[in-house]
Amino acid sequence: MRLSDLQNKNIVNILDGRNIGNIIDVKINEVSGNIESFIIEPNKNFFKLFSKGDDTEIKWSSITKIGEDVILVKLSI
């Protein structure tokens, strides 16, 4: 799977069903080469109270499923 494939998927929080935003970048561990997190351009309605910056980081451990059209994450915000 390519980064461009991931960028086309909706990111949805499974705890409340909200659309979180779109992937704009990926953080990779330099030693292991594993993905550490996705950098998200946030949906302004979802993160307006919780985000001080322009984008948000979602840790790889928060991702529950990467499907055909959607990435499901578990975020308790």
Protein backbone atom coordinates (compact mmCIF):
# COMPACT_ATOMS: atom_id res chain seq x y z
CA MET A 1 0.00 0.00 0.00
CA ARG A 2 1.25 3.48 -0.85
CA LEU A 3 0.96 6.68 1.13
CA SER A 4 -1.25 8.08 -1.63
CA ASP A 5 -3.67 5.16 -1.06
CA LEU A 6 -3.84 6.00 2.65
CA GLN A 7 -4.39 9.70 1.97
CA ASN A 8 -7.59 8.91 0.07
CA LYS A 9 -9.20 7.12 3.01
CA ASN A 10 -11.48 8.72 5.59
CA ILE A 11 -10.28 8.46 9.19
CA VAL A 12 -13.11 7.66 11.60
CA ASN A 13 -13.05 7.42 15.39
CA ILE A 14 -14.81 4.17 16.39
CA LEU A 15 -15.80 5.57 19.78
CA ASP A 16 -18.12 8.24 18.40
CA GLY A 17 -18.24 7.73 14.60
CA ARG A 18 -16.78 11.15 13.79
CA ASN A 19 -14.70 11.86 10.71
CA ILE A 20 -11.33 13.01 12.08
CA GLY A 21 -9.56 14.35 9.00
CA ASN A 22 -7.13 13.42 6.24
CA ILE A 23 -3.60 12.02 6.34
CA ILE A 24 -1.08 14.56 5.15
CA ASP A 25 2.11 12.77 6.25
CA VAL A 26 3.49 9.70 8.00
CA LYS A 27 6.08 9.57 10.79
CA ILE A 28 8.51 6.65 10.39
CA ASN A 29 10.97 5.28 12.94
CA GLU A 30 14.42 5.87 11.45
CA VAL A 31 15.93 2.72 13.02
CA SER A 32 13.20 0.12 12.48
CA GLY A 33 11.50 1.63 9.43
CA ASN A 34 8.10 1.07 11.06
CA ILE A 35 5.28 3.61 10.89
CA GLU A 36 4.99 5.42 14.23
CA SER A 37 2.06 7.70 13.48
CA PHE A 38 -0.05 9.49 10.90
CA ILE A 39 0.00 13.27 10.71
CA ILE A 40 -3.56 14.48 10.19
CA GLU A 41 -4.92 17.68 8.77
CA PRO A 42 -7.75 17.87 11.25
CA ASN A 43 -11.42 18.22 10.59
CA LYS A 44 -11.87 21.65 12.23
CA ASN A 45 -15.11 20.58 13.94
CA PHE A 46 -13.48 17.54 15.57
CA PHE A 47 -10.22 18.97 16.91
CA LYS A 48 -11.06 22.64 17.45
CA LEU A 49 -10.94 22.34 21.25
CA PHE A 50 -8.10 19.83 21.49
CA SER A 51 -5.52 20.93 18.94
CA LYS A 52 -3.25 23.91 19.35
CA GLY A 53 -1.40 23.39 16.06
CA ASP A 54 -2.59 23.08 12.52
CA ASP A 55 -2.22 19.31 12.35
CA THR A 56 -2.53 16.38 14.73
CA GLU A 57 -0.61 13.16 15.24
CA ILE A 58 -2.39 9.81 15.57
CA LYS A 59 -0.17 7.05 16.98
CA TRP A 60 -0.01 3.75 15.12
CA SER A 61 -1.24 1.99 18.29
CA SER A 62 -4.55 3.92 18.02
CA ILE A 63 -5.34 2.44 14.60
CA THR A 64 -7.72 -0.51 14.83
CA LYS A 65 -8.35 -1.27 11.14
CA ILE A 66 -7.31 -0.07 7.71
CA GLY A 67 -10.11 -0.93 5.31
CA GLU A 68 -10.80 -0.35 1.64
CA ASP A 69 -12.35 3.11 2.12
CA VAL A 70 -11.74 3.99 5.76
CA ILE A 71 -9.16 3.91 8.54
CA LEU A 72 -10.71 3.20 11.95
CA VAL A 73 -9.00 4.63 15.01
CA LYS A 74 -9.80 4.52 18.71
CA LEU A 75 -9.35 7.97 20.24
CA SER A 76 -10.87 8.95 23.55
CA ILE A 77 -10.89 12.73 23.28
